[in-house]
Amino acid sequence: MILTNNKSNFIFLAEDDIDDQELLIEALTSLDDTIEVHVVNNGKKAVSYLEELPDNKKPCLIVLDYNLPEMNGADILNRINTIEKLHPVTKVIWSTSNSPVYEKICTELGAKAYFVKPTDFYGIEKIARIMLQLCGLKKE
């Protein structure tokens, strides 16, 4: 799902579960209806998309599911850390796994946060609010 094109409110999401995609997008857009979310469903597509982004179209936030086909969230972080234009972009992991090992690896690779996917919409909305704050789009 892609909404209005505006680099200041663009979130990139790498997520293979359609339900998780839809729930997070619904939560984000219910809090800020100007947000643009671009979604890919595997790790290789995530890296390719981010490598090919024009310098003037960087997302304000990169959200990576940890358990993606073809490349996991830590591997993606490792790869995109070599893309200089993405250095200032905030990166977070969004995962069903609450593994402290995964969280440590990802934060060492530069993830600003490691979110465990909640089981209810209220929890997803709470995380979406934090994501918007990380984008500088919500102050509350």
N, C-alpha and C. Protein backbone atom coordinates (compact mmCIF):
# COMPACT_ATOMS: atom_id res chain seq x y z
N MET A 1 0.85 -1.18 0.00
CA MET A 1 0.00 0.00 0.00
C MET A 1 0.89 1.23 0.00
N ILE A 2 0.65 2.14 -0.92
CA ILE A 2 1.42 3.38 -0.99
C ILE A 2 0.45 4.55 -0.95
N LEU A 3 0.72 5.47 -0.08
CA LEU A 3 -0.11 6.66 0.03
C LEU A 3 0.65 7.84 -0.58
N THR A 4 0.23 9.04 -0.31
CA THR A 4 0.82 10.24 -0.89
C THR A 4 2.34 10.25 -0.77
N ASN A 5 3.00 10.64 -1.84
CA ASN A 5 4.46 10.65 -1.90
C ASN A 5 5.03 11.91 -1.25
N ASN A 6 5.74 11.75 -0.16
CA ASN A 6 6.36 12.87 0.54
C ASN A 6 7.49 12.30 1.38
N LYS A 7 8.74 12.70 1.08
CA LYS A 7 9.87 12.05 1.74
C LYS A 7 9.87 12.21 3.26
N SER A 8 9.24 13.26 3.77
CA SER A 8 9.26 13.48 5.21
C SER A 8 8.33 12.53 5.97
N ASN A 9 7.45 11.84 5.25
CA ASN A 9 6.53 10.94 5.94
C ASN A 9 6.51 9.56 5.29
N PHE A 10 7.66 9.11 4.85
CA PHE A 10 7.80 7.85 4.14
C PHE A 10 8.43 6.80 5.06
N ILE A 11 7.71 5.70 5.27
CA ILE A 11 8.21 4.58 6.07
C ILE A 11 8.37 3.38 5.15
N PHE A 12 9.52 2.73 5.25
CA PHE A 12 9.78 1.51 4.49
C PHE A 12 9.56 0.32 5.42
N LEU A 13 8.77 -0.66 4.97
CA LEU A 13 8.45 -1.84 5.77
C LEU A 13 8.81 -3.10 5.00
N ALA A 14 9.66 -3.94 5.59
CA ALA A 14 9.96 -5.26 5.05
C ALA A 14 9.25 -6.27 5.94
N GLU A 15 8.18 -6.86 5.42
CA GLU A 15 7.32 -7.75 6.20
C GLU A 15 6.67 -8.75 5.26
N ASP A 16 6.80 -10.04 5.55
CA ASP A 16 6.24 -11.07 4.66
C ASP A 16 4.83 -11.50 5.04
N ASP A 17 4.38 -11.20 6.24
CA ASP A 17 3.04 -11.61 6.68
C ASP A 17 2.03 -10.51 6.31
N ILE A 18 1.09 -10.85 5.44
CA ILE A 18 0.13 -9.86 4.95
C ILE A 18 -0.70 -9.27 6.08
N ASP A 19 -1.12 -10.10 7.02
CA ASP A 19 -1.91 -9.58 8.15
C ASP A 19 -1.11 -8.57 8.97
N ASP A 20 0.16 -8.88 9.23
CA ASP A 20 1.01 -7.94 9.97
C ASP A 20 1.23 -6.65 9.19
N GLN A 21 1.39 -6.77 7.86
CA GLN A 21 1.52 -5.58 7.01
C GLN A 21 0.29 -4.69 7.18
N GLU A 22 -0.87 -5.30 6.98
CA GLU A 22 -2.12 -4.54 7.01
C GLU A 22 -2.39 -3.91 8.37
N LEU A 23 -2.14 -4.66 9.44
CA LEU A 23 -2.38 -4.13 10.78
C LEU A 23 -1.46 -2.95 11.11
N LEU A 24 -0.18 -3.08 10.77
CA LEU A 24 0.74 -1.99 11.06
C LEU A 24 0.41 -0.76 10.21
N ILE A 25 0.11 -0.97 8.94
CA ILE A 25 -0.25 0.16 8.07
C ILE A 25 -1.53 0.82 8.58
N GLU A 26 -2.51 0.02 8.98
CA GLU A 26 -3.75 0.59 9.52
C GLU A 26 -3.47 1.42 10.77
N ALA A 27 -2.63 0.90 11.65
CA ALA A 27 -2.30 1.65 12.87
C ALA A 27 -1.57 2.94 12.54
N LEU A 28 -0.59 2.88 11.65
CA LEU A 28 0.17 4.08 11.28
C LEU A 28 -0.73 5.13 10.65
N THR A 29 -1.56 4.71 9.69
CA THR A 29 -2.40 5.67 8.97
C THR A 29 -3.56 6.17 9.82
N SER A 30 -3.96 5.41 10.83
CA SER A 30 -5.01 5.91 11.73
C SER A 30 -4.47 7.03 12.62
N LEU A 31 -3.17 7.01 12.85
CA LEU A 31 -2.53 8.05 13.65
C LEU A 31 -2.07 9.24 12.81
N ASP A 32 -1.74 8.99 11.54
CA ASP A 32 -1.28 10.04 10.63
C ASP A 32 -1.68 9.63 9.22
N ASP A 33 -2.75 10.24 8.70
CA ASP A 33 -3.26 9.81 7.40
C ASP A 33 -2.44 10.32 6.22
N THR A 34 -1.35 11.05 6.49
CA THR A 34 -0.48 11.49 5.40
C THR A 34 0.72 10.56 5.23
N ILE A 35 0.84 9.56 6.09
CA ILE A 35 2.01 8.68 6.05
C ILE A 35 2.01 7.84 4.78
N GLU A 36 3.17 7.63 4.21
CA GLU A 36 3.36 6.74 3.07
C GLU A 36 4.11 5.52 3.58
N VAL A 37 3.61 4.34 3.27
CA VAL A 37 4.28 3.10 3.66
C VAL A 37 4.54 2.30 2.39
N HIS A 38 5.81 1.97 2.17
CA HIS A 38 6.15 1.09 1.05
C HIS A 38 6.56 -0.26 1.64
N VAL A 39 5.99 -1.34 1.10
CA VAL A 39 6.19 -2.68 1.65
C VAL A 39 6.84 -3.60 0.63
N VAL A 40 7.81 -4.38 1.10
CA VAL A 40 8.34 -5.52 0.35
C VAL A 40 8.21 -6.74 1.24
N ASN A 41 8.23 -7.94 0.62
CA ASN A 41 7.94 -9.14 1.40
C ASN A 41 9.10 -10.11 1.58
N ASN A 42 10.32 -9.70 1.23
CA ASN A 42 11.47 -10.55 1.56
C ASN A 42 12.73 -9.70 1.67
N GLY A 43 13.76 -10.32 2.25
CA GLY A 43 14.98 -9.59 2.55
C GLY A 43 15.74 -9.09 1.34
N LYS A 44 15.82 -9.91 0.29
CA LYS A 44 16.55 -9.48 -0.91
C LYS A 44 15.86 -8.30 -1.58
N LYS A 45 14.52 -8.33 -1.62
CA LYS A 45 13.78 -7.19 -2.19
C LYS A 45 14.01 -5.94 -1.36
N ALA A 46 14.10 -6.10 -0.05
CA ALA A 46 14.34 -4.95 0.83
C ALA A 46 15.67 -4.29 0.50
N VAL A 47 16.72 -5.10 0.41
CA VAL A 47 18.04 -4.55 0.12
C VAL A 47 18.05 -3.89 -1.26
N SER A 48 17.50 -4.57 -2.26
CA SER A 48 17.46 -4.01 -3.62
C SER A 48 16.73 -2.68 -3.66
N TYR A 49 15.56 -2.64 -3.03
CA TYR A 49 14.77 -1.41 -3.03
C TYR A 49 15.55 -0.27 -2.37
N LEU A 50 16.13 -0.54 -1.21
CA LEU A 50 16.85 0.50 -0.48
C LEU A 50 18.11 0.95 -1.21
N GLU A 51 18.80 0.03 -1.87
CA GLU A 51 19.98 0.40 -2.66
C GLU A 51 19.61 1.33 -3.81
N GLU A 52 18.45 1.11 -4.40
CA GLU A 52 18.05 1.86 -5.59
C GLU A 52 17.32 3.16 -5.29
N LEU A 53 17.03 3.43 -4.03
CA LEU A 53 16.32 4.67 -3.68
C LEU A 53 17.13 5.89 -4.09
N PRO A 54 16.47 6.89 -4.69
CA PRO A 54 17.19 8.14 -4.96
C PRO A 54 17.55 8.83 -3.64
N ASP A 55 18.62 9.58 -3.66
CA ASP A 55 19.07 10.27 -2.45
C ASP A 55 18.00 11.17 -1.84
N ASN A 56 17.13 11.74 -2.68
CA ASN A 56 16.11 12.67 -2.18
C ASN A 56 14.82 11.96 -1.78
N LYS A 57 14.82 10.63 -1.74
CA LYS A 57 13.61 9.87 -1.40
C LYS A 57 13.89 8.86 -0.29
N LYS A 58 14.68 9.27 0.69
CA LYS A 58 14.98 8.37 1.80
C LYS A 58 13.79 8.30 2.75
N PRO A 59 13.54 7.12 3.32
CA PRO A 59 12.47 7.03 4.31
C PRO A 59 12.89 7.69 5.62
N CYS A 60 11.90 8.06 6.42
CA CYS A 60 12.21 8.58 7.75
C CYS A 60 12.44 7.41 8.71
N LEU A 61 11.99 6.20 8.31
CA LEU A 61 12.12 5.02 9.16
C LEU A 61 12.16 3.77 8.30
N ILE A 62 13.04 2.84 8.66
CA ILE A 62 13.10 1.52 8.03
C ILE A 62 12.68 0.51 9.09
N VAL A 63 11.60 -0.23 8.80
CA VAL A 63 11.06 -1.24 9.71
C VAL A 63 11.29 -2.60 9.08
N LEU A 64 12.03 -3.46 9.78
CA LEU A 64 12.37 -4.78 9.25
C LEU A 64 11.84 -5.88 10.15
N ASP A 65 11.08 -6.80 9.56
CA ASP A 65 10.72 -8.02 10.27
C ASP A 65 12.03 -8.80 10.44
N TYR A 66 12.21 -9.46 11.57
CA TYR A 66 13.44 -10.23 11.74
C TYR A 66 13.43 -11.48 10.87
N ASN A 67 12.32 -12.20 10.87
CA ASN A 67 12.24 -13.48 10.16
C ASN A 67 11.62 -13.31 8.79
N LEU A 68 12.44 -12.91 7.83
CA LEU A 68 11.99 -12.73 6.45
C LEU A 68 12.55 -13.82 5.56
N PRO A 69 11.85 -14.17 4.49
CA PRO A 69 12.43 -15.10 3.52
C PRO A 69 13.68 -14.48 2.87
N GLU A 70 14.61 -15.32 2.53
CA GLU A 70 15.82 -14.99 1.75
C GLU A 70 16.90 -14.22 2.51
N MET A 71 16.54 -13.50 3.55
CA MET A 71 17.53 -12.72 4.30
C MET A 71 16.84 -12.20 5.56
N ASN A 72 17.42 -12.44 6.73
CA ASN A 72 16.74 -11.97 7.95
C ASN A 72 17.06 -10.50 8.25
N GLY A 73 16.38 -9.97 9.25
CA GLY A 73 16.53 -8.57 9.59
C GLY A 73 17.96 -8.17 9.92
N ALA A 74 18.68 -9.02 10.63
CA ALA A 74 20.08 -8.71 10.97
C ALA A 74 20.94 -8.66 9.71
N ASP A 75 20.72 -9.59 8.80
CA ASP A 75 21.48 -9.59 7.54
C ASP A 75 21.18 -8.33 6.72
N ILE A 76 19.91 -7.92 6.72
CA ILE A 76 19.55 -6.70 6.00
C ILE A 76 20.23 -5.50 6.63
N LEU A 77 20.19 -5.40 7.95
CA LEU A 77 20.88 -4.30 8.63
C LEU A 77 22.35 -4.27 8.26
N ASN A 78 22.98 -5.42 8.29
CA ASN A 78 24.40 -5.51 7.95
C ASN A 78 24.65 -4.99 6.53
N ARG A 79 23.80 -5.37 5.59
CA ARG A 79 23.96 -4.92 4.20
C ARG A 79 23.69 -3.43 4.05
N ILE A 80 22.60 -2.94 4.64
CA ILE A 80 22.26 -1.53 4.41
C ILE A 80 23.17 -0.58 5.20
N ASN A 81 23.90 -1.12 6.16
CA ASN A 81 24.90 -0.29 6.85
C ASN A 81 26.01 0.15 5.91
N THR A 82 26.16 -0.52 4.78
CA THR A 82 27.17 -0.16 3.80
C THR A 82 26.66 0.89 2.81
N ILE A 83 25.38 1.25 2.90
CA ILE A 83 24.78 2.24 1.99
C ILE A 83 24.81 3.59 2.69
N GLU A 84 25.75 4.42 2.30
CA GLU A 84 26.00 5.68 3.00
C GLU A 84 24.77 6.57 3.11
N LYS A 85 23.97 6.66 2.06
CA LYS A 85 22.80 7.55 2.09
C LYS A 85 21.78 7.13 3.16
N LEU A 86 21.85 5.86 3.62
CA LEU A 86 20.91 5.37 4.63
C LEU A 86 21.43 5.49 6.06
N HIS A 87 22.68 5.92 6.22
CA HIS A 87 23.26 6.04 7.57
C HIS A 87 22.40 6.88 8.51
N PRO A 88 21.87 8.04 8.06
CA PRO A 88 21.08 8.85 9.00
C PRO A 88 19.65 8.35 9.24
N VAL A 89 19.22 7.35 8.49
CA VAL A 89 17.84 6.87 8.61
C VAL A 89 17.71 5.93 9.81
N THR A 90 16.69 6.16 10.63
CA THR A 90 16.43 5.30 11.79
C THR A 90 15.94 3.94 11.32
N LYS A 91 16.48 2.89 11.94
CA LYS A 91 16.11 1.52 11.59
C LYS A 91 15.61 0.82 12.85
N VAL A 92 14.53 0.03 12.68
CA VAL A 92 13.99 -0.75 13.80
C VAL A 92 13.65 -2.15 13.32
N ILE A 93 13.63 -3.07 14.26
CA ILE A 93 13.21 -4.45 13.99
C ILE A 93 11.83 -4.64 14.60
N TRP A 94 11.02 -5.42 13.89
CA TRP A 94 9.63 -5.72 14.29
C TRP A 94 9.50 -7.21 14.11
N SER A 95 9.35 -7.97 15.19
CA SER A 95 9.45 -9.42 15.09
C SER A 95 8.51 -10.15 16.05
N THR A 96 8.16 -11.37 15.70
CA THR A 96 7.40 -12.23 16.62
C THR A 96 8.33 -12.81 17.68
N SER A 97 9.62 -12.83 17.40
CA SER A 97 10.59 -13.41 18.33
C SER A 97 11.00 -12.41 19.41
N ASN A 98 10.99 -12.86 20.64
CA ASN A 98 11.47 -12.01 21.74
C ASN A 98 12.86 -12.45 22.20
N SER A 99 13.62 -13.01 21.28
CA SER A 99 14.96 -13.51 21.58
C SER A 99 15.91 -12.37 21.98
N PRO A 100 16.48 -12.42 23.19
CA PRO A 100 17.46 -11.41 23.59
C PRO A 100 18.70 -11.44 22.68
N VAL A 101 19.02 -12.61 22.15
CA VAL A 101 20.17 -12.72 21.24
C VAL A 101 19.91 -11.94 19.96
N TYR A 102 18.73 -12.13 19.36
CA TYR A 102 18.37 -11.38 18.15
C TYR A 102 18.37 -9.88 18.43
N GLU A 103 17.79 -9.50 19.56
CA GLU A 103 17.73 -8.08 19.91
C GLU A 103 19.13 -7.49 20.05
N LYS A 104 20.02 -8.21 20.72
CA LYS A 104 21.40 -7.73 20.91
C LYS A 104 22.11 -7.58 19.57
N ILE A 105 21.98 -8.59 18.72
CA ILE A 105 22.61 -8.54 17.39
C ILE A 105 22.12 -7.33 16.62
N CYS A 106 20.81 -7.14 16.61
CA CYS A 106 20.22 -6.05 15.82
C CYS A 106 20.59 -4.68 16.36
N THR A 107 20.59 -4.51 17.67
CA THR A 107 20.97 -3.21 18.22
C THR A 107 22.46 -2.94 17.98
N GLU A 108 23.28 -3.97 18.03
CA GLU A 108 24.70 -3.79 17.72
C GLU A 108 24.90 -3.41 16.25
N LEU A 109 23.97 -3.83 15.39
CA LEU A 109 24.04 -3.49 13.97
C LEU A 109 23.36 -2.15 13.66
N GLY A 110 22.89 -1.47 14.71
CA GLY A 110 22.36 -0.13 14.51
C GLY A 110 20.86 0.04 14.62
N ALA A 111 20.13 -1.02 14.93
CA ALA A 111 18.68 -0.86 15.11
C ALA A 111 18.44 0.01 16.34
N LYS A 112 17.61 1.01 16.19
CA LYS A 112 17.29 1.92 17.30
C LYS A 112 16.35 1.25 18.31
N ALA A 113 15.55 0.29 17.82
CA ALA A 113 14.60 -0.41 18.70
C ALA A 113 14.34 -1.80 18.14
N TYR A 114 13.91 -2.68 19.03
CA TYR A 114 13.52 -4.04 18.66
C TYR A 114 12.14 -4.25 19.26
N PHE A 115 11.12 -4.24 18.40
CA PHE A 115 9.74 -4.38 18.85
C PHE A 115 9.28 -5.82 18.68
N VAL A 116 8.71 -6.39 19.73
CA VAL A 116 8.07 -7.70 19.62
C VAL A 116 6.62 -7.43 19.22
N LYS A 117 6.19 -8.11 18.14
CA LYS A 117 4.84 -7.88 17.62
C LYS A 117 3.80 -8.23 18.68
N PRO A 118 2.92 -7.28 18.97
CA PRO A 118 1.87 -7.55 19.95
C PRO A 118 0.78 -8.43 19.34
N THR A 119 -0.07 -8.94 20.20
CA THR A 119 -1.14 -9.82 19.75
C THR A 119 -2.47 -9.09 19.60
N ASP A 120 -2.51 -7.80 19.93
CA ASP A 120 -3.76 -7.05 19.77
C ASP A 120 -3.50 -5.71 19.09
N PHE A 121 -4.59 -5.13 18.55
CA PHE A 121 -4.44 -3.89 17.80
C PHE A 121 -3.97 -2.74 18.69
N TYR A 122 -4.39 -2.71 19.93
CA TYR A 122 -3.95 -1.65 20.84
C TYR A 122 -2.42 -1.65 20.95
N GLY A 123 -1.84 -2.84 21.09
CA GLY A 123 -0.39 -2.95 21.18
C GLY A 123 0.30 -2.51 19.90
N ILE A 124 -0.28 -2.87 18.76
CA ILE A 124 0.28 -2.45 17.47
C ILE A 124 0.21 -0.94 17.33
N GLU A 125 -0.92 -0.36 17.74
CA GLU A 125 -1.07 1.09 17.66
C GLU A 125 -0.06 1.80 18.57
N LYS A 126 0.21 1.22 19.72
CA LYS A 126 1.21 1.79 20.64
C LYS A 126 2.60 1.81 19.98
N ILE A 127 2.96 0.72 19.32
CA ILE A 127 4.24 0.65 18.61
C ILE A 127 4.23 1.61 17.42
N ALA A 128 3.12 1.70 16.70
CA ALA A 128 3.01 2.62 15.56
C ALA A 128 3.24 4.06 16.02
N ARG A 129 2.72 4.40 17.18
CA ARG A 129 2.92 5.76 17.73
C ARG A 129 4.41 6.02 17.97
N ILE A 130 5.12 5.04 18.51
CA ILE A 130 6.57 5.18 18.73
C ILE A 130 7.29 5.31 17.39
N MET A 131 6.88 4.51 16.41
CA MET A 131 7.49 4.59 15.08
C MET A 131 7.32 5.99 14.48
N LEU A 132 6.14 6.56 14.62
CA LEU A 132 5.90 7.91 14.12
C LEU A 132 6.75 8.93 14.87
N GLN A 133 6.95 8.72 16.16
CA GLN A 133 7.83 9.60 16.93
C GLN A 133 9.26 9.49 16.41
N LEU A 134 9.70 8.28 16.09
CA LEU A 134 11.05 8.09 15.55
C LEU A 134 11.21 8.78 14.20
N CYS A 135 10.09 8.94 13.48
CA CYS A 135 10.09 9.68 12.21
C CYS A 135 10.01 11.19 12.43
N GLY A 136 9.72 11.59 13.65
CA GLY A 136 9.52 13.01 13.91
C GLY A 136 8.15 13.48 13.49
N LEU A 137 7.19 12.55 13.34
CA LEU A 137 5.86 12.91 12.85
C LEU A 137 4.83 13.07 13.95
N LYS A 138 5.09 12.52 15.12
CA LYS A 138 4.16 12.66 16.24
C LYS A 138 4.96 13.02 17.48
N LYS A 139 4.54 14.05 18.16
CA LYS A 139 5.26 14.49 19.36
C LYS A 139 4.66 13.89 20.63
N GLU A 140 3.44 13.39 20.56
CA GLU A 140 2.75 12.90 21.76
C GLU A 140 3.12 11.50 22.13
